Structure formats: C-alpha cells, structure tokens
C-alpha cells in the first residue's frame, strides 16, 4: 500500500473547529506496541509507508536530551526526562489520555 492509498482508509484523528464549524480534519494512522513490538492497539493502515517529516522531531531529539548534549551545548539546566515521560508530556499537551501509557 502506498501513502496515497492509505489516505482514503485512514480515520479522522482530529478535527479543528472554528466556532461550531469544522475547519479541517486530519487523518492518520497509529499503533501502540509493547516492549516486544506486538501491536496492542491501532487505527488505520499501520503497514502503509509514511513520510513523517517534522512530526517526529520530538522523538529525534531524544538522543540529544538523553546523552546530555543539550545541556553541554546550550548551558540550560539538566533535563530529567525519560522517553516515556517526554511522550506523556506531549500527549498531555495534546490533551490525549490513555491508560496504555502507564
């Protein structure tokens, strides 16, 4: 399946409202996996090829945060986040809740 094919089958994951009107709908797919890589829950065609671009920048930053490079290069206070706490912060900011994250 190509990313073009996946778009039609991908469910609406978010709607942006302007007043009572839907301004835009955002479709996508996701999968939550356990430590062994087994899919716990998913939506949409999770096998489809994707080009995430900027969407994964927070995850790409994790090695810099975890290694201490951010503090060494910028002089900011140490960050005490683990990958899971960073994901929890991202989900909290997006107002996404799930018992699967605990």
N, C-alpha and C. Protein backbone atom coordinates (compact mmCIF):
# COMPACT_ATOMS: atom_id res chain seq x y z
N UNK A 1 0.84 -1.17 0.00
CA UNK A 1 0.00 0.00 0.00
C UNK A 1 0.89 1.24 0.00
N UNK A 2 0.57 2.21 -0.76
CA UNK A 2 1.33 3.45 -0.80
C UNK A 2 0.69 4.47 0.12
N UNK A 3 1.42 5.56 0.40
CA UNK A 3 0.87 6.58 1.27
C UNK A 3 -0.38 7.21 0.66
N UNK A 4 -0.47 7.27 -0.67
CA UNK A 4 -1.65 7.81 -1.33
C UNK A 4 -2.85 6.90 -1.10
N UNK A 5 -2.64 5.58 -1.22
CA UNK A 5 -3.71 4.62 -0.98
C UNK A 5 -4.18 4.69 0.46
N UNK A 6 -3.25 4.90 1.39
CA UNK A 6 -3.58 4.89 2.82
C UNK A 6 -4.46 6.05 3.20
N UNK A 7 -4.36 7.19 2.52
CA UNK A 7 -5.11 8.37 2.89
C UNK A 7 -6.61 8.16 2.91
N UNK A 8 -7.12 7.41 1.95
CA UNK A 8 -8.55 7.19 1.88
C UNK A 8 -9.04 6.31 3.02
N UNK A 9 -8.21 5.38 3.49
CA UNK A 9 -8.63 4.45 4.53
C UNK A 9 -8.30 4.96 5.93
N UNK A 10 -7.46 5.98 6.04
CA UNK A 10 -7.05 6.46 7.36
C UNK A 10 -8.22 7.16 8.04
N UNK A 11 -8.43 6.87 9.32
CA UNK A 11 -9.53 7.52 10.04
C UNK A 11 -9.21 8.97 10.39
N UNK A 12 -10.25 9.73 10.65
CA UNK A 12 -10.07 11.10 11.14
C UNK A 12 -9.61 11.00 12.59
N UNK A 13 -8.42 11.56 12.89
CA UNK A 13 -7.88 11.52 14.24
C UNK A 13 -8.11 12.83 14.99
N UNK A 14 -8.30 13.92 14.25
CA UNK A 14 -8.51 15.21 14.89
C UNK A 14 -9.33 16.12 13.98
N UNK A 15 -10.13 16.94 14.60
CA UNK A 15 -10.87 17.98 13.87
C UNK A 15 -10.55 19.32 14.50
N UNK A 16 -10.34 20.31 13.66
CA UNK A 16 -10.11 21.67 14.12
C UNK A 16 -11.41 22.43 13.92
N UNK A 17 -11.91 23.02 15.00
CA UNK A 17 -13.17 23.75 14.93
C UNK A 17 -12.92 25.25 14.93
N UNK A 18 -13.75 25.95 14.20
CA UNK A 18 -13.80 27.42 14.26
C UNK A 18 -15.24 27.72 14.62
N UNK A 19 -15.45 28.04 15.90
CA UNK A 19 -16.82 28.15 16.39
C UNK A 19 -17.45 26.78 16.37
N UNK A 20 -18.60 26.67 15.71
CA UNK A 20 -19.27 25.38 15.59
C UNK A 20 -18.96 24.67 14.27
N UNK A 21 -18.18 25.31 13.41
CA UNK A 21 -17.87 24.74 12.10
C UNK A 21 -16.56 23.97 12.13
N UNK A 22 -16.53 22.86 11.42
CA UNK A 22 -15.29 22.10 11.28
C UNK A 22 -14.43 22.80 10.24
N UNK A 23 -13.28 23.29 10.67
CA UNK A 23 -12.38 24.00 9.76
C UNK A 23 -11.51 23.02 8.97
N UNK A 24 -11.06 21.97 9.65
CA UNK A 24 -10.26 20.96 8.96
C UNK A 24 -10.32 19.64 9.72
N UNK A 25 -10.07 18.59 8.98
CA UNK A 25 -9.99 17.23 9.55
C UNK A 25 -8.62 16.67 9.21
N UNK A 26 -8.05 15.97 10.18
CA UNK A 26 -6.72 15.41 9.98
C UNK A 26 -6.78 13.89 10.13
N UNK A 27 -6.43 13.23 9.05
CA UNK A 27 -6.46 11.76 9.03
C UNK A 27 -5.08 11.21 9.33
N UNK A 28 -5.04 10.02 9.85
CA UNK A 28 -3.76 9.39 10.12
C UNK A 28 -3.94 7.98 10.61
N UNK A 29 -2.83 7.38 10.91
CA UNK A 29 -2.79 6.03 11.46
C UNK A 29 -1.87 6.04 12.66
N UNK A 30 -2.10 5.12 13.58
CA UNK A 30 -1.18 4.98 14.71
C UNK A 30 -1.20 3.55 15.19
N UNK A 31 -0.15 3.18 15.88
CA UNK A 31 -0.05 1.87 16.51
C UNK A 31 0.65 2.04 17.85
N UNK A 32 0.13 1.38 18.86
CA UNK A 32 0.77 1.32 20.17
C UNK A 32 1.29 -0.10 20.30
N UNK A 33 2.58 -0.23 20.57
CA UNK A 33 3.19 -1.55 20.68
C UNK A 33 3.78 -1.75 22.06
N UNK A 34 3.92 -3.02 22.46
CA UNK A 34 4.56 -3.31 23.74
C UNK A 34 6.06 -3.41 23.53
N UNK A 35 6.79 -3.72 24.58
CA UNK A 35 8.25 -3.77 24.52
C UNK A 35 8.76 -4.80 23.52
N UNK A 36 7.97 -5.81 23.22
CA UNK A 36 8.38 -6.84 22.26
C UNK A 36 7.98 -6.48 20.83
N UNK A 37 7.32 -5.34 20.65
CA UNK A 37 6.92 -4.92 19.32
C UNK A 37 5.56 -5.44 18.89
N UNK A 38 4.83 -6.08 19.80
CA UNK A 38 3.49 -6.57 19.46
C UNK A 38 2.50 -5.41 19.51
N UNK A 39 1.62 -5.35 18.52
CA UNK A 39 0.63 -4.27 18.45
C UNK A 39 -0.42 -4.49 19.54
N UNK A 40 -0.60 -3.47 20.39
CA UNK A 40 -1.61 -3.52 21.44
C UNK A 40 -2.92 -2.95 20.92
N UNK A 41 -2.83 -1.82 20.25
CA UNK A 41 -4.00 -1.21 19.63
C UNK A 41 -3.52 -0.38 18.44
N UNK A 42 -4.42 -0.18 17.48
CA UNK A 42 -4.04 0.60 16.30
C UNK A 42 -5.30 1.13 15.63
N UNK A 43 -5.07 2.05 14.72
CA UNK A 43 -6.15 2.58 13.88
C UNK A 43 -5.56 2.92 12.53
N UNK A 44 -6.32 2.66 11.49
CA UNK A 44 -5.85 2.95 10.14
C UNK A 44 -4.87 1.91 9.63
N UNK A 45 -4.39 2.11 8.41
CA UNK A 45 -3.48 1.15 7.78
C UNK A 45 -2.04 1.33 8.31
N UNK A 46 -1.71 0.63 9.40
CA UNK A 46 -0.41 0.84 10.05
C UNK A 46 0.76 0.29 9.25
N UNK A 47 0.51 -0.48 8.23
CA UNK A 47 1.59 -1.01 7.39
C UNK A 47 1.94 -0.06 6.24
N UNK A 48 1.18 1.00 6.07
CA UNK A 48 1.40 1.93 4.96
C UNK A 48 2.72 2.69 5.14
N UNK A 49 3.36 3.01 4.03
CA UNK A 49 4.56 3.83 4.06
C UNK A 49 4.18 5.27 4.41
N UNK A 50 5.00 5.89 5.23
CA UNK A 50 4.75 7.29 5.61
C UNK A 50 6.04 8.09 5.52
N UNK A 51 5.88 9.38 5.41
CA UNK A 51 7.00 10.32 5.42
C UNK A 51 6.70 11.33 6.52
N UNK A 52 7.10 11.05 7.76
CA UNK A 52 6.66 11.85 8.91
C UNK A 52 7.21 13.26 8.97
N UNK A 53 8.34 13.53 8.36
CA UNK A 53 8.93 14.86 8.33
C UNK A 53 9.01 15.46 9.73
N UNK A 54 8.41 16.59 9.95
CA UNK A 54 8.55 17.30 11.23
C UNK A 54 7.81 16.63 12.38
N UNK A 55 6.91 15.74 12.10
CA UNK A 55 6.11 15.12 13.16
C UNK A 55 6.95 14.32 14.15
N UNK A 56 8.10 13.84 13.74
CA UNK A 56 8.91 13.02 14.64
C UNK A 56 10.08 13.79 15.26
N UNK A 57 10.14 15.09 15.07
CA UNK A 57 11.25 15.86 15.63
C UNK A 57 11.39 15.69 17.14
N UNK A 58 10.29 15.66 17.92
CA UNK A 58 10.47 15.42 19.36
C UNK A 58 11.15 14.08 19.65
N UNK A 59 10.82 13.06 18.88
CA UNK A 59 11.45 11.75 19.07
C UNK A 59 12.90 11.77 18.60
N UNK A 60 13.19 12.51 17.53
CA UNK A 60 14.57 12.62 17.04
C UNK A 60 15.44 13.36 18.05
N UNK A 61 14.84 14.20 18.86
CA UNK A 61 15.60 14.97 19.86
C UNK A 61 15.95 14.15 21.08
N UNK A 62 15.28 13.02 21.30
CA UNK A 62 15.53 12.23 22.50
C UNK A 62 16.99 11.85 22.72
N UNK A 63 17.73 11.38 21.71
CA UNK A 63 19.13 11.04 21.96
C UNK A 63 19.95 12.24 22.44
N UNK A 64 19.65 13.43 21.93
CA UNK A 64 20.37 14.62 22.38
C UNK A 64 20.04 14.95 23.82
N UNK A 65 18.79 14.79 24.19
CA UNK A 65 18.38 15.06 25.56
C UNK A 65 18.98 14.02 26.50
N UNK A 66 18.82 12.74 26.14
CA UNK A 66 19.28 11.64 26.99
C UNK A 66 20.80 11.64 27.17
N UNK A 67 21.54 12.03 26.15
CA UNK A 67 23.00 12.00 26.23
C UNK A 67 23.59 13.17 27.00
N UNK A 68 22.78 14.19 27.26
CA UNK A 68 23.28 15.39 27.93
C UNK A 68 23.84 16.42 26.97
N UNK A 69 23.78 16.15 25.67
CA UNK A 69 24.34 17.07 24.68
C UNK A 69 23.63 18.43 24.71
N UNK A 70 22.35 18.43 24.97
CA UNK A 70 21.61 19.68 25.01
C UNK A 70 22.17 20.60 26.09
N UNK A 71 22.38 20.04 27.28
CA UNK A 71 22.91 20.85 28.37
C UNK A 71 24.33 21.35 28.06
N UNK A 72 25.16 20.47 27.52
CA UNK A 72 26.55 20.85 27.22
C UNK A 72 26.62 21.92 26.15
N UNK A 73 25.73 21.85 25.18
CA UNK A 73 25.78 22.81 24.07
C UNK A 73 25.06 24.11 24.37
N UNK A 74 24.05 24.06 25.22
CA UNK A 74 23.24 25.26 25.43
C UNK A 74 23.38 25.87 26.81
N UNK A 75 23.93 25.13 27.75
CA UNK A 75 24.08 25.66 29.10
C UNK A 75 22.79 25.71 29.89
N UNK A 76 21.72 25.04 29.42
CA UNK A 76 20.47 25.04 30.17
C UNK A 76 20.54 24.03 31.30
N UNK A 77 19.59 24.10 32.21
CA UNK A 77 19.56 23.17 33.33
C UNK A 77 19.34 21.75 32.82
N UNK A 78 19.86 20.77 33.53
CA UNK A 78 19.69 19.37 33.09
C UNK A 78 18.22 18.99 32.97
N UNK A 79 17.92 18.22 31.96
CA UNK A 79 16.57 17.72 31.74
C UNK A 79 16.51 16.31 32.30
N UNK A 80 15.53 16.03 33.12
CA UNK A 80 15.41 14.72 33.77
C UNK A 80 14.27 13.90 33.17
N UNK A 81 14.09 13.96 31.87
CA UNK A 81 13.02 13.23 31.22
C UNK A 81 13.53 11.91 30.68
N UNK A 82 12.68 10.90 30.77
CA UNK A 82 12.92 9.65 30.07
C UNK A 82 12.08 9.71 28.79
N UNK A 83 12.31 8.83 27.84
CA UNK A 83 11.47 8.84 26.64
C UNK A 83 9.98 8.75 26.97
N UNK A 84 9.60 7.93 27.95
CA UNK A 84 8.19 7.77 28.28
C UNK A 84 7.62 9.03 28.91
N UNK A 85 8.39 9.71 29.78
CA UNK A 85 7.86 10.94 30.37
C UNK A 85 7.75 12.03 29.32
N UNK A 86 8.67 12.06 28.37
CA UNK A 86 8.55 13.04 27.29
C UNK A 86 7.28 12.78 26.48
N UNK A 87 7.01 11.51 26.17
CA UNK A 87 5.79 11.17 25.43
C UNK A 87 4.55 11.55 26.24
N UNK A 88 4.59 11.31 27.56
CA UNK A 88 3.45 11.70 28.40
C UNK A 88 3.23 13.21 28.34
N UNK A 89 4.32 13.98 28.36
CA UNK A 89 4.20 15.44 28.27
C UNK A 89 3.59 15.86 26.93
N UNK A 90 4.03 15.22 25.85
CA UNK A 90 3.48 15.53 24.52
C UNK A 90 2.00 15.19 24.48
N UNK A 91 1.62 14.00 24.98
CA UNK A 91 0.21 13.61 24.98
C UNK A 91 -0.61 14.52 25.87
N UNK A 92 -0.08 14.93 27.03
CA UNK A 92 -0.80 15.83 27.92
C UNK A 92 -1.02 17.17 27.24
N UNK A 93 0.00 17.69 26.58
CA UNK A 93 -0.13 18.95 25.86
C UNK A 93 -1.21 18.86 24.79
N UNK A 94 -1.29 17.71 24.12
CA UNK A 94 -2.29 17.50 23.06
C UNK A 94 -3.63 17.06 23.64
N UNK A 95 -3.72 16.97 24.97
CA UNK A 95 -4.93 16.54 25.67
C UNK A 95 -5.37 15.15 25.26
N UNK A 96 -4.38 14.26 25.08
CA UNK A 96 -4.64 12.86 24.76
C UNK A 96 -4.41 12.07 26.04
N UNK A 97 -5.37 11.24 26.43
CA UNK A 97 -5.21 10.41 27.61
C UNK A 97 -5.33 8.96 27.21
N UNK A 98 -4.60 8.10 27.90
CA UNK A 98 -4.68 6.68 27.62
C UNK A 98 -4.09 5.90 28.79
N UNK A 99 -4.78 4.87 29.20
CA UNK A 99 -4.24 4.00 30.25
C UNK A 99 -3.10 3.15 29.69
N UNK A 100 -2.95 3.11 28.37
CA UNK A 100 -1.87 2.33 27.75
C UNK A 100 -0.50 2.95 28.00
N UNK A 101 -0.47 4.21 28.40
CA UNK A 101 0.81 4.90 28.63
C UNK A 101 1.38 4.64 30.00
N UNK A 102 0.63 3.98 30.88
CA UNK A 102 1.12 3.75 32.24
C UNK A 102 1.70 2.38 32.39
